[in-house]
């Protein structure tokens, strides 16, 4: 009974209200309403010769030991930087355990030529996860390549459960939670001299969120303010010259986890990671 009450509270009462009572009840993401499949909101890079790839696992062969005409496809859904829905496409996935998909080609087929976000939804099918009130979630690996920046791809895993495709009405539900109070996220990487950094922030909540990026070093500090609509994304760029001191970055917002996707661009290579 105690567990049932906890599950009811998590599913029906937003974390920002629970936070006034106890911090132990806070959850980064919501539980979907009803039967659903889940995806992160992945960053799509197509501008400036960037290429985006997705490492797609064949979940049905793992969970159900079978693949058929219904389960051998995944759905890509694309959003622009303002969070507006652009288009979607069903993509066939091979029966092999993993397929590398060129997201640029999928996006180009839909006329998408600008950076944005995409989600990946696997088909819903009954499996043992349903017995435990669990959900199939795609937070796999995205690969990025840019011949101008280096000869090796960089890979990064998904950030969090950001959006759900609801089975009962085929609609979408954003899963990000947020607080009434401002939070601080300290980037776990210094911005070092002689490098350019590109940080991508995403709003997985159903409300427009305000952000403040604070740059600090031993000499001075700067602030950048902006707002993001639901499903929106923002690219923050900072070049640290050779003669400068390294910078620390603090991200202020009402998100419980305003963790950015970081591209570290070095003179002859690049790296990508979550901050």
Protein backbone atom coordinates (compact mmCIF):
# COMPACT_ATOMS: atom_id res chain seq x y z
CA UNK A 1 0.00 0.00 0.00
CA UNK A 2 2.85 2.39 0.85
CA UNK A 3 4.41 1.86 -2.56
CA UNK A 4 1.07 2.43 -4.29
CA UNK A 5 0.69 5.75 -2.49
CA UNK A 6 4.22 6.80 -3.50
CA UNK A 7 3.54 5.92 -7.13
CA UNK A 8 0.27 7.85 -7.08
CA UNK A 9 2.00 10.95 -5.68
CA UNK A 10 4.83 10.79 -8.23
CA UNK A 11 2.40 10.36 -11.10
CA UNK A 12 -0.15 13.01 -10.11
CA UNK A 13 1.60 15.69 -8.03
CA UNK A 14 4.36 17.82 -9.67
CA UNK A 15 7.75 17.68 -7.96
CA UNK A 16 7.78 21.46 -7.44
CA UNK A 17 4.95 21.03 -4.88
CA UNK A 18 6.50 17.99 -3.21
CA UNK A 19 9.74 19.97 -2.86
CA UNK A 20 8.13 22.18 -0.19
CA UNK A 21 7.64 19.07 1.96
CA UNK A 22 10.69 16.96 1.25
CA UNK A 23 13.55 16.91 -1.25
CA UNK A 24 13.46 13.09 -1.28
CA UNK A 25 10.31 13.10 -3.38
CA UNK A 26 11.78 15.12 -6.27
CA UNK A 27 11.98 13.40 -9.64
CA UNK A 28 13.77 14.78 -12.70
CA UNK A 29 11.07 13.53 -15.05
CA UNK A 30 7.37 12.81 -14.94
CA UNK A 31 5.76 9.41 -15.31
CA UNK A 32 3.81 9.27 -18.61
CA UNK A 33 0.05 9.29 -18.49
CA UNK A 34 -0.99 5.82 -19.56
CA UNK A 35 0.76 3.44 -21.94
CA UNK A 36 3.62 5.15 -23.76
CA UNK A 37 7.09 4.87 -25.24
CA UNK A 38 9.74 7.43 -24.32
CA UNK A 39 12.61 9.28 -26.00
CA UNK A 40 15.20 11.87 -25.19
CA UNK A 41 15.24 15.09 -27.23
CA UNK A 42 18.50 14.63 -29.12
CA UNK A 43 20.45 17.49 -30.70
CA UNK A 44 20.43 17.47 -34.50
CA UNK A 45 23.45 19.12 -36.17
CA UNK A 46 23.32 19.59 -39.94
CA UNK A 47 24.69 23.12 -40.41
CA UNK A 48 28.38 24.01 -40.94
CA UNK A 49 29.21 20.55 -42.35
CA UNK A 50 28.14 18.69 -39.21
CA UNK A 51 26.73 15.19 -39.55
CA UNK A 52 24.50 13.43 -37.03
CA UNK A 53 24.19 9.65 -36.64
CA UNK A 54 22.03 7.52 -34.38
CA UNK A 55 23.02 4.11 -33.02
CA UNK A 56 19.66 2.34 -33.09
CA UNK A 57 19.29 -0.90 -31.14
CA UNK A 58 16.71 -3.46 -32.23
CA UNK A 59 14.78 -3.52 -28.94
CA UNK A 60 12.19 -6.03 -30.11
CA UNK A 61 14.75 -8.73 -30.78
CA UNK A 62 16.15 -8.12 -27.29
CA UNK A 63 12.82 -8.08 -25.45
CA UNK A 64 10.60 -10.35 -27.50
CA UNK A 65 13.06 -12.38 -29.59
CA UNK A 66 11.07 -11.54 -32.70
CA UNK A 67 11.01 -8.87 -35.39
CA UNK A 68 8.14 -8.36 -37.83
CA UNK A 69 6.75 -5.73 -40.19
CA UNK A 70 5.34 -3.77 -37.24
CA UNK A 71 8.36 -3.87 -34.96
CA UNK A 72 11.16 -3.35 -37.49
CA UNK A 73 10.51 0.40 -37.75
CA UNK A 74 11.21 3.38 -35.53
CA UNK A 75 9.68 6.84 -35.73
CA UNK A 76 11.86 9.95 -35.99
CA UNK A 77 10.15 13.21 -34.96
CA UNK A 78 11.86 16.55 -35.65
CA UNK A 79 11.53 19.95 -33.94
CA UNK A 80 13.14 23.29 -34.75
CA UNK A 81 15.06 25.45 -32.29
CA UNK A 82 11.87 27.23 -31.25
CA UNK A 83 10.31 23.90 -30.27
CA UNK A 84 7.89 23.77 -33.20
CA UNK A 85 7.05 20.41 -34.70
CA UNK A 86 8.51 20.07 -38.20
CA UNK A 87 7.80 16.58 -39.47
CA UNK A 88 8.28 12.88 -38.77
CA UNK A 89 9.24 9.72 -40.62
CA UNK A 90 9.06 5.98 -40.10
CA UNK A 91 12.48 4.41 -40.66
CA UNK A 92 13.10 0.73 -41.25
CA UNK A 93 15.58 -0.90 -38.89
CA UNK A 94 17.43 -4.07 -39.80
CA UNK A 95 16.93 -7.24 -37.76
CA UNK A 96 20.53 -7.00 -36.59
CA UNK A 97 21.11 -5.90 -33.02
CA UNK A 98 22.40 -2.42 -33.95
CA UNK A 99 21.94 -0.20 -36.99
CA UNK A 100 23.76 3.09 -37.55
CA UNK A 101 21.31 5.59 -39.04
CA UNK A 102 22.39 8.76 -40.85
CA UNK A 103 20.02 11.34 -39.35
CA UNK A 104 21.17 14.01 -41.83
CA UNK A 105 19.76 11.94 -44.70
CA UNK A 106 16.49 11.39 -42.88
CA UNK A 107 16.22 15.12 -42.13
CA UNK A 108 17.19 16.12 -45.69
CA UNK A 109 14.41 13.90 -47.03
CA UNK A 110 11.98 16.03 -45.03
CA UNK A 111 13.51 19.31 -46.22
CA UNK A 112 15.23 20.04 -42.89
CA UNK A 113 18.38 22.14 -43.32
CA UNK A 114 18.71 23.75 -39.88
CA UNK A 115 19.89 22.46 -36.52
CA UNK A 116 17.21 21.41 -34.06
CA UNK A 117 16.09 18.42 -32.05
CA UNK A 118 14.79 14.95 -32.79
CA UNK A 119 13.13 12.15 -30.86
CA UNK A 120 13.18 8.42 -31.62
CA UNK A 121 10.18 6.26 -30.71
CA UNK A 122 10.17 2.49 -30.92
CA UNK A 123 6.84 0.78 -31.67
CA UNK A 124 4.79 -0.13 -28.65
CA UNK A 125 4.46 -3.85 -28.02
CA UNK A 126 3.50 -5.79 -24.92
CA UNK A 127 6.53 -7.25 -23.16
CA UNK A 128 7.68 -8.13 -19.66
CA UNK A 129 8.39 -4.44 -18.88
CA UNK A 130 4.66 -3.77 -18.70
CA UNK A 131 4.33 -6.13 -15.74
CA UNK A 132 6.51 -3.77 -13.71
CA UNK A 133 4.82 -0.52 -14.83
CA UNK A 134 7.95 0.33 -16.80
CA UNK A 135 8.38 2.04 -20.14
CA UNK A 136 10.49 1.47 -23.22
CA UNK A 137 12.83 4.48 -23.38
CA UNK A 138 15.32 5.52 -26.06
CA UNK A 139 18.31 7.33 -24.58
CA UNK A 140 20.93 5.70 -26.74
CA UNK A 141 24.04 7.02 -28.43
CA UNK A 142 24.24 9.81 -30.98
CA UNK A 143 27.34 10.23 -33.12
CA UNK A 144 28.61 13.53 -34.53
CA UNK A 145 31.13 14.05 -37.31
CA UNK A 146 32.67 17.05 -39.01
CA UNK A 147 35.60 16.67 -41.43
CA UNK A 148 36.69 20.25 -40.74
CA UNK A 149 36.98 19.49 -37.02
CA UNK A 150 38.66 16.08 -37.11
CA UNK A 151 38.56 12.64 -38.70
CA UNK A 152 36.94 10.77 -35.79
CA UNK A 153 33.27 10.73 -34.77
CA UNK A 154 32.29 11.75 -31.27
CA UNK A 155 29.57 9.81 -29.43
CA UNK A 156 27.38 10.81 -26.51
CA UNK A 157 24.48 9.08 -24.77
CA UNK A 158 21.03 10.50 -24.15
CA UNK A 159 20.45 12.96 -21.33
CA UNK A 160 17.07 12.10 -19.78
CA UNK A 161 13.52 10.92 -20.46
CA UNK A 162 12.26 14.03 -22.21
CA UNK A 163 9.16 13.20 -24.24
CA UNK A 164 6.61 10.38 -24.41
CA UNK A 165 4.47 9.18 -27.28
CA UNK A 166 1.17 8.17 -25.73
CA UNK A 167 -0.27 4.93 -27.05
CA UNK A 168 -3.90 5.73 -26.28
CA UNK A 169 -4.18 8.90 -28.41
CA UNK A 170 -0.88 9.01 -30.39
CA UNK A 171 -0.17 12.40 -28.79
CA UNK A 172 3.04 13.58 -27.13
CA UNK A 173 3.75 14.48 -23.51
CA UNK A 174 6.81 16.40 -22.32
CA UNK A 175 8.26 14.76 -19.22
CA UNK A 176 10.66 17.34 -17.79
CA UNK A 177 10.01 18.53 -14.24
CA UNK A 178 10.90 21.97 -12.89
CA UNK A 179 10.91 23.81 -9.58
CA UNK A 180 9.39 27.01 -8.24
CA UNK A 181 12.91 27.86 -7.05
CA UNK A 182 15.99 28.72 -9.08
CA UNK A 183 18.62 25.99 -9.32
CA UNK A 184 22.29 26.15 -10.24
CA UNK A 185 24.09 23.67 -12.45
CA UNK A 186 27.90 23.84 -12.32
CA UNK A 187 29.49 22.69 -15.55
CA UNK A 188 31.88 19.88 -14.61
CA UNK A 189 34.46 21.02 -17.14
CA UNK A 190 36.47 24.24 -17.29
CA UNK A 191 36.49 26.19 -20.53
CA UNK A 192 40.21 26.08 -21.30
CA UNK A 193 42.29 28.46 -23.44
CA UNK A 194 42.78 27.82 -27.18
CA UNK A 195 39.44 26.01 -27.51
CA UNK A 196 35.93 26.89 -28.68
CA UNK A 197 32.97 25.50 -26.74
CA UNK A 198 29.42 25.06 -28.01
CA UNK A 199 26.87 24.22 -25.32
CA UNK A 200 23.36 23.07 -26.24
CA UNK A 201 20.56 23.51 -23.72
CA UNK A 202 17.12 21.91 -24.19
CA UNK A 203 13.80 22.60 -22.48
CA UNK A 204 11.99 19.27 -21.88
CA UNK A 205 9.20 20.87 -19.81
CA UNK A 206 5.74 22.01 -20.91
CA UNK A 207 6.41 25.63 -19.89
CA UNK A 208 8.75 28.33 -21.22
CA UNK A 209 11.85 28.43 -19.01
CA UNK A 210 14.27 31.28 -18.31
CA UNK A 211 18.01 30.59 -18.24
CA UNK A 212 21.07 32.51 -17.13
CA UNK A 213 24.59 31.43 -18.08
CA UNK A 214 27.27 32.86 -15.81
CA UNK A 215 30.88 32.91 -17.08
CA UNK A 216 33.47 33.33 -14.33
CA UNK A 217 37.24 33.48 -14.17
CA UNK A 218 39.77 35.15 -11.86
CA UNK A 219 39.47 38.50 -13.65
CA UNK A 220 35.82 39.03 -14.53
CA UNK A 221 32.44 37.51 -15.13
CA UNK A 222 29.75 37.77 -17.81
CA UNK A 223 26.10 36.78 -17.99
CA UNK A 224 23.87 35.62 -20.86
CA UNK A 225 20.11 35.51 -20.44
CA UNK A 226 17.56 33.79 -22.65
CA UNK A 227 14.26 31.90 -22.59
CA UNK A 228 13.38 28.57 -24.14
CA UNK A 229 9.89 27.44 -25.13
CA UNK A 230 8.88 23.80 -24.64
CA UNK A 231 11.00 21.52 -26.87
CA UNK A 232 13.20 24.52 -27.65
CA UNK A 233 16.99 24.48 -27.86
CA UNK A 234 19.71 27.11 -27.51
CA UNK A 235 23.36 27.10 -28.62
CA UNK A 236 25.82 29.02 -26.44
CA UNK A 237 29.25 29.58 -28.04
CA UNK A 238 32.38 30.67 -26.19
CA UNK A 239 35.90 30.88 -27.61
CA UNK A 240 38.65 31.10 -24.99
CA UNK A 241 41.73 32.76 -26.45
CA UNK A 242 45.25 31.57 -25.63
CA UNK A 243 45.99 34.53 -23.39
CA UNK A 244 42.81 34.24 -21.34
CA UNK A 245 42.23 32.49 -18.05
CA UNK A 246 40.04 29.39 -18.01
CA UNK A 247 36.32 29.96 -17.41
CA UNK A 248 33.89 28.26 -15.07
CA UNK A 249 30.26 28.05 -16.21
CA UNK A 250 27.18 28.14 -13.98
CA UNK A 251 23.74 27.62 -15.51
CA UNK A 252 20.81 29.03 -13.53
CA UNK A 253 17.23 28.00 -14.22
CA UNK A 254 14.26 26.27 -12.59
CA UNK A 255 15.13 22.93 -14.18
CA UNK A 256 16.28 20.29 -11.73
CA UNK A 257 19.00 19.22 -14.16
CA UNK A 258 20.02 21.90 -16.67
CA UNK A 259 22.82 19.72 -18.00
CA UNK A 260 24.01 20.82 -21.44
CA UNK A 261 25.44 18.90 -24.35
CA UNK A 262 29.01 20.18 -24.78
CA UNK A 263 31.07 20.30 -27.96
CA UNK A 264 34.71 21.03 -27.21
CA UNK A 265 36.35 22.15 -30.44
CA UNK A 266 40.13 21.97 -30.37
CA UNK A 267 42.59 23.08 -33.09
CA UNK A 268 42.69 19.65 -34.79
CA UNK A 269 39.88 17.63 -33.20
CA UNK A 270 36.64 17.85 -31.24
CA UNK A 271 34.99 16.07 -28.33
CA UNK A 272 31.34 15.84 -27.29
CA UNK A 273 30.00 15.04 -23.82
CA UNK A 274 27.39 15.96 -21.23
CA UNK A 275 28.54 18.65 -18.84
